[in-house]
Amino acid sequence: MSIDDSQFEGMDWIRAELEEEFDEDFELELSEPALSIELRKLYKRRHPETLDRATYFRALLTLQAELIKLQDWVEHSGEKVAVIFEGRDSAGKGGVIKRITQRLNPRVCRVVALTKPSDRERTQWYFQRYVPHLPSGGEIVLFDRSWYNRSGVERVMGFATPDQVEQFFQDVPEFERMLVRSGIRLIKYWFSITDEEQQLRFLIRIHDPLKQWKLSPMDLQSRVRWEDYTKAKEETFARTNIPEAPWFVVEGNDKKRARLNCIHHLLEQLPYEEVPHEPVSLPDRIFNPDYERSVLPDEVMVPKRY
């Protein structure tokens, strides 16, 4: 996949989008009153200058335009694409997923983020709860965490026995080979951040009332068990990095660059091409001179408070 930036020269929609959009830097500015002065200083001191807002959004919009072409190709060709997003808590998986899906049709590109298994699901074949969510022809499915929960959080937190974890490692390579043989294009990303960066992001969430919902007891335990998660990651890579479905690591300390790098790499993994479309024209409205629109009662109207 090659993106020629010159093809977007003079396109007013990019300028309009740049004027309308805002990023997490602006969100951070809004929430900064909730953060301590010392935490603000620490965060800014630990982060070198990243991409400026205009450069970031221009690159993002260019990539999102390519994602629309990818979506059209997947729908037109009947391709099946599954993308797995794994990694440390607060490493930026959700931010990338949001930017990928932001301008796509949710009927073509959908996100799967399963909750903890039910009592019934705990008695099933481990992969069974994931199979119904796999893509059919003409679909892209983004797994916000996946069957790798078994070799990660379930293993570290003791929700799976050593025998269950070992069985997972024996099964998952063949399971993924089966998916690939069935025609699914399987792409696996691991988002990596440093110990210090995760601590800073957790502190920001703790002190920001708009982000506290992102913290769960499991997230907090990931700080306590950092080394255990590191060991789990290392074995996961060693035993599941197969040629048919290799792992790709995204460095996530710089959120903006992580998003752009991941989306650009995803586009490079798929042989998509632009699908020709019939020109779209707005049809004339049918006008009936005898029709009078009824007036709605005031009680059904939402009050105008803004």
C-alpha atoms as a PDB file:
ATOM      1  CA  MET A   1       0.000   0.000   0.000  1.00  0.00           C
ATOM      2  CA  SER A   2       1.399   3.343  -0.982  1.00  0.00           C
ATOM      3  CA  ILE A   3      -0.169   6.649   0.008  1.00  0.00           C
ATOM      4  CA  ASP A   4       0.793   9.589  -2.141  1.00  0.00           C
ATOM      5  CA  ASP A   5       0.061  12.691  -0.094  1.00  0.00           C
ATOM      6  CA  SER A   6       0.037  14.834  -3.227  1.00  0.00           C
ATOM      7  CA  GLN A   7      -3.235  13.254  -4.320  1.00  0.00           C
ATOM      8  CA  PHE A   8      -4.953  15.109  -1.484  1.00  0.00           C
ATOM      9  CA  GLU A   9      -3.569  18.543  -2.397  1.00  0.00           C
ATOM     10  CA  GLY A  10      -6.299  21.115  -2.725  1.00  0.00           C
ATOM     11  CA  MET A  11      -9.031  18.902  -1.304  1.00  0.00           C
ATOM     12  CA  ASP A  12     -11.179  21.145   0.853  1.00  0.00           C
ATOM     13  CA  TRP A  13     -12.586  18.297   2.917  1.00  0.00           C
ATOM     14  CA  ILE A  14      -9.219  17.781   4.602  1.00  0.00           C
ATOM     15  CA  ARG A  15      -9.061  21.439   5.605  1.00  0.00           C
ATOM     16  CA  ALA A  16     -12.629  21.302   6.877  1.00  0.00           C
ATOM     17  CA  GLU A  17     -11.963  18.182   8.913  1.00  0.00           C
ATOM     18  CA  LEU A  18      -8.819  19.695  10.408  1.00  0.00           C
ATOM     19  CA  GLU A  19     -10.854  22.682  11.552  1.00  0.00           C
ATOM     20  CA  GLU A  20     -13.546  20.488  13.100  1.00  0.00           C
ATOM     21  CA  GLU A  21     -11.470  17.758  14.747  1.00  0.00           C
ATOM     22  CA  PHE A  22      -9.680  17.779  18.080  1.00  0.00           C
ATOM     23  CA  ASP A  23      -7.426  15.180  19.648  1.00  0.00           C
ATOM     24  CA  GLU A  24      -6.563  13.858  23.057  1.00  0.00           C
ATOM     25  CA  ASP A  25      -4.149  16.719  23.689  1.00  0.00           C
ATOM     26  CA  PHE A  26      -7.186  18.985  23.761  1.00  0.00           C
ATOM     27  CA  GLU A  27      -9.116  16.524  25.914  1.00  0.00           C
ATOM     28  CA  LEU A  28      -6.205  16.522  28.344  1.00  0.00           C
ATOM     29  CA  GLU A  29      -6.315  20.303  28.474  1.00  0.00           C
ATOM     30  CA  LEU A  30     -10.009  20.145  29.360  1.00  0.00           C
ATOM     31  CA  SER A  31      -9.421  17.665  32.160  1.00  0.00           C
ATOM     32  CA  GLU A  32      -6.222  19.197  33.518  1.00  0.00           C
ATOM     33  CA  PRO A  33      -7.974  21.095  36.333  1.00  0.00           C
ATOM     34  CA  ALA A  34      -8.710  17.678  37.837  1.00  0.00           C
ATOM     35  CA  LEU A  35      -5.032  16.744  37.775  1.00  0.00           C
ATOM     36  CA  SER A  36      -2.505  17.813  40.349  1.00  0.00           C
ATOM     37  CA  ILE A  37       0.076  20.371  39.297  1.00  0.00           C
ATOM     38  CA  GLU A  38       2.860  17.912  40.035  1.00  0.00           C
ATOM     39  CA  LEU A  39       1.274  15.194  37.887  1.00  0.00           C
ATOM     40  CA  ARG A  40       0.865  17.639  35.013  1.00  0.00           C
ATOM     41  CA  LYS A  41       4.514  18.652  35.249  1.00  0.00           C
ATOM     42  CA  LEU A  42       5.655  15.035  35.434  1.00  0.00           C
ATOM     43  CA  TYR A  43       3.624  13.963  32.406  1.00  0.00           C
ATOM     44  CA  LYS A  44       4.838  16.847  30.249  1.00  0.00           C
ATOM     45  CA  ARG A  45       8.435  16.409  31.357  1.00  0.00           C
ATOM     46  CA  ARG A  46       8.407  12.701  30.467  1.00  0.00           C
ATOM     47  CA  HIS A  47       6.967  13.219  26.993  1.00  0.00           C
ATOM     48  CA  PRO A  48       9.060  14.770  24.235  1.00  0.00           C
ATOM     49  CA  GLU A  49       7.367  16.794  21.549  1.00  0.00           C
ATOM     50  CA  THR A  50       5.086  14.654  19.415  1.00  0.00           C
ATOM     51  CA  LEU A  51       3.506  15.409  16.045  1.00  0.00           C
ATOM     52  CA  ASP A  52       1.824  18.777  15.839  1.00  0.00           C
ATOM     53  CA  ARG A  53      -1.940  18.690  15.571  1.00  0.00           C
ATOM     54  CA  ALA A  54      -2.183  19.677  11.887  1.00  0.00           C
ATOM     55  CA  THR A  55       0.431  17.117  10.776  1.00  0.00           C
ATOM     56  CA  TYR A  56      -1.204  14.384  12.833  1.00  0.00           C
ATOM     57  CA  PHE A  57      -4.719  14.995  11.548  1.00  0.00           C
ATOM     58  CA  ARG A  58      -3.624  15.360   7.948  1.00  0.00           C
ATOM     59  CA  ALA A  59      -1.890  11.988   8.142  1.00  0.00           C
ATOM     60  CA  LEU A  60      -4.837  10.431  10.004  1.00  0.00           C
ATOM     61  CA  LEU A  61      -7.400  11.666   7.498  1.00  0.00           C
ATOM     62  CA  THR A  62      -5.263  10.418   4.622  1.00  0.00           C
ATOM     63  CA  LEU A  63      -5.102   6.969   6.218  1.00  0.00           C
ATOM     64  CA  GLN A  64      -8.825   6.991   6.998  1.00  0.00           C
ATOM     65  CA  ALA A  65      -9.531   7.734   3.345  1.00  0.00           C
ATOM     66  CA  GLU A  66      -7.530   4.606   2.509  1.00  0.00           C
ATOM     67  CA  LEU A  67      -9.489   2.637   5.126  1.00  0.00           C
ATOM     68  CA  ILE A  68     -12.679   3.531   3.263  1.00  0.00           C
ATOM     69  CA  LYS A  69     -11.139   2.104   0.083  1.00  0.00           C
ATOM     70  CA  LEU A  70     -10.207  -1.019   2.069  1.00  0.00           C
ATOM     71  CA  GLN A  71     -13.764  -1.301   3.352  1.00  0.00           C
ATOM     72  CA  ASP A  72     -15.176  -1.035  -0.166  1.00  0.00           C
ATOM     73  CA  TRP A  73     -12.749  -3.700  -1.404  1.00  0.00           C
ATOM     74  CA  VAL A  74     -13.605  -6.087   1.437  1.00  0.00           C
ATOM     75  CA  GLU A  75     -17.336  -5.676   0.838  1.00  0.00           C
ATOM     76  CA  HIS A  76     -17.005  -5.951  -2.943  1.00  0.00           C
ATOM     77  CA  SER A  77     -14.657  -8.952  -2.944  1.00  0.00           C
ATOM     78  CA  GLY A  78     -16.230 -10.855  -0.040  1.00  0.00           C
ATOM     79  CA  GLU A  79     -12.940 -10.945   1.857  1.00  0.00           C
ATOM     80  CA  LYS A  80     -12.899 -11.885   5.549  1.00  0.00           C
ATOM     81  CA  VAL A  81     -10.567  -9.847   7.782  1.00  0.00           C
ATOM     82  CA  ALA A  82      -9.974 -10.398  11.497  1.00  0.00           C
ATOM     83  CA  VAL A  83      -7.627  -8.101  13.417  1.00  0.00           C
ATOM     84  CA  ILE A  84      -6.569  -8.867  16.992  1.00  0.00           C
ATOM     85  CA  PHE A  85      -5.518  -6.083  19.363  1.00  0.00           C
ATOM     86  CA  GLU A  86      -3.665  -7.217  22.481  1.00  0.00           C
ATOM     87  CA  GLY A  87      -1.156  -5.649  24.853  1.00  0.00           C
ATOM     88  CA  ARG A  88      -0.695  -3.877  28.141  1.00  0.00           C
ATOM     89  CA  ASP A  89      -3.599  -2.111  29.821  1.00  0.00           C
ATOM     90  CA  SER A  90      -3.660   1.579  28.795  1.00  0.00           C
ATOM     91  CA  ALA A  91      -1.295   0.895  25.877  1.00  0.00           C
ATOM     92  CA  GLY A  92      -3.604   2.587  23.360  1.00  0.00           C
ATOM     93  CA  LYS A  93      -5.529  -0.294  21.747  1.00  0.00           C
ATOM     94  CA  GLY A  94      -8.878   1.447  22.167  1.00  0.00           C
ATOM     95  CA  GLY A  95      -7.608   4.699  20.661  1.00  0.00           C
ATOM     96  CA  VAL A  96      -6.420   2.948  17.507  1.00  0.00           C
ATOM     97  CA  ILE A  97      -9.636   0.955  17.175  1.00  0.00           C
ATOM     98  CA  LYS A  98     -11.659   4.159  17.520  1.00  0.00           C
ATOM     99  CA  ARG A  99      -9.667   5.847  14.717  1.00  0.00           C
ATOM    100  CA  ILE A 100     -10.007   2.814  12.442  1.00  0.00           C
ATOM    101  CA  THR A 101     -13.783   2.579  12.830  1.00  0.00           C
ATOM    102  CA  GLN A 102     -14.445   6.321  13.024  1.00  0.00           C
ATOM    103  CA  ARG A 103     -15.437   6.737   9.351  1.00  0.00           C
ATOM    104  CA  LEU A 104     -16.312   3.169   8.402  1.00  0.00           C
ATOM    105  CA  ASN A 105     -19.686   1.494   8.036  1.00  0.00           C
ATOM    106  CA  PRO A 106     -20.434  -0.475  11.244  1.00  0.00           C
ATOM    107  CA  ARG A 107     -22.240  -3.072   9.122  1.00  0.00           C
ATOM    108  CA  VAL A 108     -18.926  -3.857   7.425  1.00  0.00           C
ATOM    109  CA  CYS A 109     -16.413  -3.137  10.181  1.00  0.00           C
ATOM    110  CA  ARG A 110     -17.407  -4.106  13.717  1.00  0.00           C
ATOM    111  CA  VAL A 111     -15.661  -4.330  17.079  1.00  0.00           C
ATOM    112  CA  VAL A 112     -15.815  -7.382  19.340  1.00  0.00           C
ATOM    113  CA  ALA A 113     -15.011  -6.782  23.024  1.00  0.00           C
ATOM    114  CA  LEU A 114     -16.310  -9.725  25.037  1.00  0.00           C
ATOM    115  CA  THR A 115     -17.018  -9.549  28.758  1.00  0.00           C
ATOM    116  CA  LYS A 116     -15.919 -12.262  31.167  1.00  0.00           C
ATOM    117  CA  PRO A 117     -17.343 -15.720  30.274  1.00  0.00           C
ATOM    118  CA  SER A 118     -20.633 -16.852  31.733  1.00  0.00           C
ATOM    119  CA  ASP A 119     -20.977 -20.050  33.766  1.00  0.00           C
ATOM    120  CA  ARG A 120     -22.168 -21.842  30.627  1.00  0.00           C
ATOM    121  CA  GLU A 121     -19.299 -20.507  28.515  1.00  0.00           C
ATOM    122  CA  ARG A 122     -16.776 -21.724  31.090  1.00  0.00           C
ATOM    123  CA  THR A 123     -17.852 -25.309  30.319  1.00  0.00           C
ATOM    124  CA  GLN A 124     -17.496 -24.892  26.545  1.00  0.00           C
ATOM    125  CA  TRP A 125     -14.519 -25.536  24.315  1.00  0.00           C
ATOM    126  CA  TYR A 126     -12.379 -22.481  25.009  1.00  0.00           C
ATOM    127  CA  PHE A 127     -12.530 -21.028  21.480  1.00  0.00           C
ATOM    128  CA  GLN A 128     -16.270 -21.617  21.148  1.00  0.00           C
ATOM    129  CA  ARG A 129     -17.348 -18.206  22.450  1.00  0.00           C
ATOM    130  CA  TYR A 130     -15.134 -16.457  19.889  1.00  0.00           C
ATOM    131  CA  VAL A 131     -16.136 -18.432  16.805  1.00  0.00           C
ATOM    132  CA  PRO A 132     -19.592 -16.780  16.336  1.00  0.00           C
ATOM    133  CA  HIS A 133     -17.882 -13.390  16.128  1.00  0.00           C
ATOM    134  CA  LEU A 134     -15.479 -14.301  13.333  1.00  0.00           C
ATOM    135  CA  PRO A 135     -16.000 -12.411  10.061  1.00  0.00           C
ATOM    136  CA  SER A 136     -18.205 -13.636   7.275  1.00  0.00           C
ATOM    137  CA  GLY A 137     -17.630 -12.666   3.651  1.00  0.00           C
ATOM    138  CA  GLY A 138     -17.411  -8.895   3.207  1.00  0.00           C
ATOM    139  CA  GLU A 139     -16.683  -8.154   6.895  1.00  0.00           C
ATOM    140  CA  ILE A 140     -13.852  -6.719   8.975  1.00  0.00           C
ATOM    141  CA  VAL A 141     -13.840  -7.681  12.660  1.00  0.00           C
ATOM    142  CA  LEU A 142     -11.615  -5.949  15.203  1.00  0.00           C
ATOM    143  CA  PHE A 143     -11.084  -7.951  18.396  1.00  0.00           C
ATOM    144  CA  ASP A 144     -10.465  -5.646  21.354  1.00  0.00           C
ATOM    145  CA  ARG A 145      -8.736  -8.479  23.219  1.00  0.00           C
ATOM    146  CA  SER A 146      -9.320 -12.008  22.049  1.00  0.00           C
ATOM    147  CA  TRP A 147      -8.682 -15.662  22.808  1.00  0.00           C
ATOM    148  CA  TYR A 148      -5.272 -14.558  24.069  1.00  0.00           C
ATOM    149  CA  ASN A 149      -6.983 -13.686  27.346  1.00  0.00           C
ATOM    150  CA  ARG A 150      -6.113 -17.260  28.324  1.00  0.00           C
ATOM    151  CA  SER A 151      -2.360 -16.773  28.046  1.00  0.00           C
ATOM    152  CA  GLY A 152      -2.596 -13.281  29.560  1.00  0.00           C
ATOM    153  CA  VAL A 153      -5.037 -12.160  32.223  1.00  0.00           C
ATOM    154  CA  GLU A 154      -6.510 -15.628  32.896  1.00  0.00           C
ATOM    155  CA  ARG A 155      -3.069 -17.089  33.411  1.00  0.00           C
ATOM    156  CA  VAL A 156      -1.645 -14.238  35.511  1.00  0.00           C
ATOM    157  CA  MET A 157      -4.745 -13.817  37.679  1.00  0.00           C
ATOM    158  CA  GLY A 158      -5.233 -17.550  38.211  1.00  0.00           C
ATOM    159  CA  PHE A 159      -8.538 -17.814  36.337  1.00  0.00           C
ATOM    160  CA  ALA A 160      -7.103 -20.669  34.265  1.00  0.00           C
ATOM    161  CA  THR A 161      -5.163 -23.654  35.545  1.00  0.00           C
ATOM    162  CA  PRO A 162      -1.642 -24.436  34.292  1.00  0.00           C
ATOM    163  CA  ASP A 163      -3.093 -27.398  32.386  1.00  0.00           C
ATOM    164  CA  GLN A 164      -5.657 -25.154  30.661  1.00  0.00           C
ATOM    165  CA  VAL A 165      -2.957 -22.670  29.695  1.00  0.00           C
ATOM    166  CA  GLU A 166      -0.753 -25.443  28.307  1.00  0.00           C
ATOM    167  CA  GLN A 167      -3.705 -26.852  26.338  1.00  0.00           C
ATOM    168  CA  PHE A 168      -4.315 -23.364  24.922  1.00  0.00           C
ATOM    169  CA  PHE A 169      -0.726 -23.083  23.722  1.00  0.00           C
ATOM    170  CA  GLN A 170      -1.017 -26.455  22.026  1.00  0.00           C
ATOM    171  CA  ASP A 171      -4.350 -25.624  20.391  1.00  0.00           C
ATOM    172  CA  VAL A 172      -4.046 -21.997  19.314  1.00  0.00           C
ATOM    173  CA  PRO A 173      -1.506 -22.417  16.475  1.00  0.00           C
ATOM    174  CA  GLU A 174      -3.688 -25.014  14.771  1.00  0.00           C
ATOM    175  CA  PHE A 175      -6.846 -23.020  15.497  1.00  0.00           C
ATOM    176  CA  GLU A 176      -5.363 -19.987  13.768  1.00  0.00           C
ATOM    177  CA  ARG A 177      -4.088 -22.077  10.871  1.00  0.00           C
ATOM    178  CA  MET A 178      -7.645 -23.355  10.448  1.00  0.00           C
ATOM    179  CA  LEU A 179      -8.918 -19.789  10.316  1.00  0.00           C
ATOM    180  CA  VAL A 180      -6.364 -18.850   7.680  1.00  0.00           C
ATOM    181  CA  ARG A 181      -7.114 -21.979   5.628  1.00  0.00           C
ATOM    182  CA  SER A 182     -10.810 -21.045   5.734  1.00  0.00           C
ATOM    183  CA  GLY A 183     -10.000 -17.754   3.989  1.00  0.00           C
ATOM    184  CA  ILE A 184      -9.831 -15.407   6.981  1.00  0.00           C
ATOM    185  CA  ARG A 185      -7.031 -12.868   6.834  1.00  0.00           C
ATOM    186  CA  LEU A 186      -5.807 -12.882  10.453  1.00  0.00           C
ATOM    187  CA  ILE A 187      -3.621  -9.999  11.668  1.00  0.00           C
ATOM    188  CA  LYS A 188      -2.340  -9.791  15.263  1.00  0.00           C
ATOM    189  CA  TYR A 189      -1.096  -6.618  16.990  1.00  0.00           C
ATOM    190  CA  TRP A 190       0.545  -6.283  20.393  1.00  0.00           C
ATOM    191  CA  PHE A 191       0.656  -2.775  21.890  1.00  0.00           C
ATOM    192  CA  SER A 192       3.697  -2.206  24.059  1.00  0.00           C
ATOM    193  CA  ILE A 193       4.430   0.624  26.508  1.00  0.00           C
ATOM    194  CA  THR A 194       7.036   1.096  29.181  1.00  0.00           C
ATOM    195  CA  ASP A 195       6.486   0.492  32.879  1.00  0.00           C
ATOM    196  CA  GLU A 196       6.806   4.218  33.596  1.00  0.00           C
ATOM    197  CA  GLU A 197       4.378   5.228  30.837  1.00  0.00           C
ATOM    198  CA  GLN A 198       1.700   2.852  32.093  1.00  0.00           C
ATOM    199  CA  GLN A 199       2.056   4.243  35.595  1.00  0.00           C
ATOM    200  CA  LEU A 200       1.624   7.800  34.326  1.00  0.00           C
ATOM    201  CA  ARG A 201      -1.475   6.886  32.309  1.00  0.00           C
ATOM    202  CA  PHE A 202      -3.026   5.092  35.270  1.00  0.00           C
ATOM    203  CA  LEU A 203      -2.377   8.120  37.504  1.00  0.00           C
ATOM    204  CA  ILE A 204      -4.077  10.370  34.957  1.00  0.00           C
ATOM    205  CA  ARG A 205      -7.114   8.074  34.872  1.00  0.00           C
ATOM    206  CA  ILE A 206      -7.289   7.991  38.669  1.00  0.00           C
ATOM    207  CA  HIS A 207      -7.277  11.787  38.926  1.00  0.00           C
ATOM    208  CA  ASP A 208      -9.503  12.478  35.909  1.00  0.00           C
ATOM    209  CA  PRO A 209     -13.242  11.934  36.610  1.00  0.00           C
ATOM    210  CA  LEU A 210     -13.890  11.662  32.867  1.00  0.00           C
ATOM    211  CA  LYS A 211     -11.516   8.696  32.592  1.00  0.00           C
ATOM    212  CA  GLN A 212     -11.954   6.853  35.873  1.00  0.00           C
ATOM    213  CA  TRP A 213     -14.415   4.460  34.236  1.00  0.00           C
ATOM    214  CA  LYS A 214     -11.484   3.083  32.219  1.00  0.00           C
ATOM    215  CA  LEU A 215      -9.917   1.680  35.393  1.00  0.00           C
ATOM    216  CA  SER A 216     -11.009  -1.750  36.557  1.00  0.00           C
ATOM    217  CA  PRO A 217      -9.674  -3.923  39.389  1.00  0.00           C
ATOM    218  CA  MET A 218      -7.936  -5.993  36.703  1.00  0.00           C
ATOM    219  CA  ASP A 219      -6.211  -2.882  35.366  1.00  0.00           C
ATOM    220  CA  LEU A 220      -4.893  -2.018  38.813  1.00  0.00           C
ATOM    221  CA  GLN A 221      -3.638  -5.568  39.276  1.00  0.00           C
ATOM    222  CA  SER A 222      -1.706  -5.256  36.030  1.00  0.00           C
ATOM    223  CA  ARG A 223       0.493  -2.696  37.796  1.00  0.00           C
ATOM    224  CA  VAL A 224       1.149  -5.038  40.706  1.00  0.00           C
ATOM    225  CA  ARG A 225       1.870  -7.988  38.399  1.00  0.00           C
ATOM    226  CA  TRP A 226       3.877  -6.173  35.704  1.00  0.00           C
ATOM    227  CA  GLU A 227       6.614  -8.803  35.652  1.00  0.00           C
ATOM    228  CA  ASP A 228       4.124 -11.683  35.564  1.00  0.00           C
ATOM    229  CA  TYR A 229       2.461 -10.125  32.518  1.00  0.00           C
ATOM    230  CA  THR A 230       5.873  -9.663  30.906  1.00  0.00           C
ATOM    231  CA  LYS A 231       6.666 -13.361  31.354  1.00  0.00           C
ATOM    232  CA  ALA A 232       3.238 -14.300  29.973  1.00  0.00           C
ATOM    233  CA  LYS A 233       3.804 -12.082  26.932  1.00  0.00           C
ATOM    234  CA  GLU A 234       7.222 -13.599  26.269  1.00  0.00           C
ATOM    235  CA  GLU A 235       5.887 -17.164  26.301  1.00  0.00           C
ATOM    236  CA  THR A 236       2.866 -16.166  24.223  1.00  0.00           C
ATOM    237  CA  PHE A 237       5.129 -14.731  21.535  1.00  0.00           C
ATOM    238  CA  ALA A 238       7.465 -17.717  21.632  1.00  0.00           C
ATOM    239  CA  ARG A 239       4.659 -20.252  21.188  1.00  0.00           C
ATOM    240  CA  THR A 240       2.104 -18.467  18.987  1.00  0.00           C
ATOM    241  CA  ASN A 241       4.180 -16.393  16.551  1.00  0.00           C
ATOM    242  CA  ILE A 242       3.484 -18.647  13.584  1.00  0.00           C
ATOM    243  CA  PRO A 243       4.198 -17.865   9.902  1.00  0.00           C
ATOM    244  CA  GLU A 244       0.493 -18.034   9.023  1.00  0.00           C
ATOM    245  CA  ALA A 245      -0.380 -15.455  11.716  1.00  0.00           C
ATOM    246  CA  PRO A 246       2.674 -13.606  13.034  1.00  0.00           C
ATOM    247  CA  TRP A 247       2.644 -11.007  15.793  1.00  0.00           C
ATOM    248  CA  PHE A 248       3.325  -7.340  15.054  1.00  0.00           C
ATOM    249  CA  VAL A 249       4.416  -5.069  17.920  1.00  0.00           C
ATOM    250  CA  VAL A 250       3.242  -1.446  18.054  1.00  0.00           C
ATOM    251  CA  GLU A 251       5.273   0.873  20.257  1.00  0.00           C
ATOM    252  CA  GLY A 252       2.620   2.816  22.151  1.00  0.00           C
ATOM    253  CA  ASN A 253       4.404   5.422  24.276  1.00  0.00           C
ATOM    254  CA  ASP A 254       3.568   8.105  21.694  1.00  0.00           C
ATOM    255  CA  LYS A 255      -0.188   7.746  21.116  1.00  0.00           C
ATOM    256  CA  LYS A 256      -0.335   9.731  17.896  1.00  0.00           C
ATOM    257  CA  ARG A 257       2.511   7.898  16.217  1.00  0.00           C
ATOM    258  CA  ALA A 258       1.188   4.542  17.447  1.00  0.00           C
ATOM    259  CA  ARG A 259      -2.176   5.185  15.791  1.00  0.00           C
ATOM    260  CA  LEU A 260      -0.684   6.275  12.493  1.00  0.00           C
ATOM    261  CA  ASN A 261       1.911   3.491  12.409  1.00  0.00           C
ATOM    262  CA  CYS A 262      -0.635   0.780  13.186  1.00  0.00           C
ATOM    263  CA  ILE A 263      -3.198   1.931  10.617  1.00  0.00           C
ATOM    264  CA  HIS A 264      -0.528   2.351   7.942  1.00  0.00           C
ATOM    265  CA  HIS A 265       0.826  -1.142   8.661  1.00  0.00           C
ATOM    266  CA  LEU A 266      -2.670  -2.671   8.614  1.00  0.00           C
ATOM    267  CA  LEU A 267      -3.309  -1.217   5.175  1.00  0.00           C
ATOM    268  CA  GLU A 268      -0.017  -2.685   3.951  1.00  0.00           C
ATOM    269  CA  GLN A 269      -1.081  -6.201   4.999  1.00  0.00           C
ATOM    270  CA  LEU A 270      -4.043  -6.330   2.621  1.00  0.00           C
ATOM    271  CA  PRO A 271      -3.977  -6.284  -1.208  1.00  0.00           C
ATOM    272  CA  TYR A 272      -6.916  -3.913  -1.504  1.00  0.00           C
ATOM    273  CA  GLU A 273      -7.603  -1.760  -4.519  1.00  0.00           C
ATOM    274  CA  GLU A 274     -10.035   0.988  -5.305  1.00  0.00           C
ATOM    275  CA  VAL A 275     -13.457  -0.276  -6.294  1.00  0.00           C
ATOM    276  CA  PRO A 276     -15.182   1.715  -9.074  1.00  0.00           C
ATOM    277  CA  HIS A 277     -18.557   3.187  -8.130  1.00  0.00           C
ATOM    278  CA  GLU A 278     -21.424   4.463 -10.200  1.00  0.00           C
ATOM    279  CA  PRO A 279     -21.762   8.262 -10.000  1.00  0.00           C
ATOM    280  CA  VAL A 280     -24.247   9.296  -7.305  1.00  0.00           C
ATOM    281  CA  SER A 281     -26.852  11.947  -8.086  1.00  0.00           C
ATOM    282  CA  LEU A 282     -29.606  13.275  -5.882  1.00  0.00           C
ATOM    283  CA  PRO A 283     -33.049  12.372  -7.276  1.00  0.00           C
ATOM    284  CA  ASP A 284     -35.835  14.933  -7.444  1.00  0.00           C
ATOM    285  CA  ARG A 285     -38.209  14.972  -4.511  1.00  0.00           C
ATOM    286  CA  ILE A 286     -41.785  13.955  -5.218  1.00  0.00           C
ATOM    287  CA  PHE A 287     -44.003  16.896  -4.376  1.00  0.00           C
ATOM    288  CA  ASN A 288     -47.695  16.423  -3.577  1.00  0.00           C
ATOM    289  CA  PRO A 289     -49.526  19.782  -3.423  1.00  0.00           C
ATOM    290  CA  ASP A 290     -52.450  18.208  -1.517  1.00  0.00           C
ATOM    291  CA  TYR A 291     -50.289  16.978   1.376  1.00  0.00           C
ATOM    292  CA  GLU A 292     -50.091  19.021   4.571  1.00  0.00           C
ATOM    293  CA  ARG A 293     -47.630  18.052   7.255  1.00  0.00           C
ATOM    294  CA  SER A 294     -49.267  17.624  10.675  1.00  0.00           C
ATOM    295  CA  VAL A 295     -48.046  19.707  13.595  1.00  0.00           C
ATOM    296  CA  LEU A 296     -46.492  17.682  16.434  1.00  0.00           C
ATOM    297  CA  PRO A 297     -47.647  18.390  20.000  1.00  0.00           C
ATOM    298  CA  ASP A 298     -45.193  20.252  22.228  1.00  0.00           C
ATOM    299  CA  GLU A 299     -44.909  17.425  24.768  1.00  0.00           C
ATOM    300  CA  VAL A 300     -43.101  15.148  22.302  1.00  0.00           C
ATOM    301  CA  MET A 301     -40.457  17.748  21.525  1.00  0.00           C
ATOM    302  CA  VAL A 302     -37.093  17.753  23.282  1.00  0.00           C
ATOM    303  CA  PRO A 303     -36.698  21.101  25.090  1.00  0.00           C
ATOM    304  CA  LYS A 304     -34.215  23.526  23.491  1.00  0.00           C
ATOM    305  CA  ARG A 305     -31.815  24.171  26.362  1.00  0.00           C
ATOM    306  CA  TYR A 306     -28.696  25.054  24.369  1.00  0.00           C
END
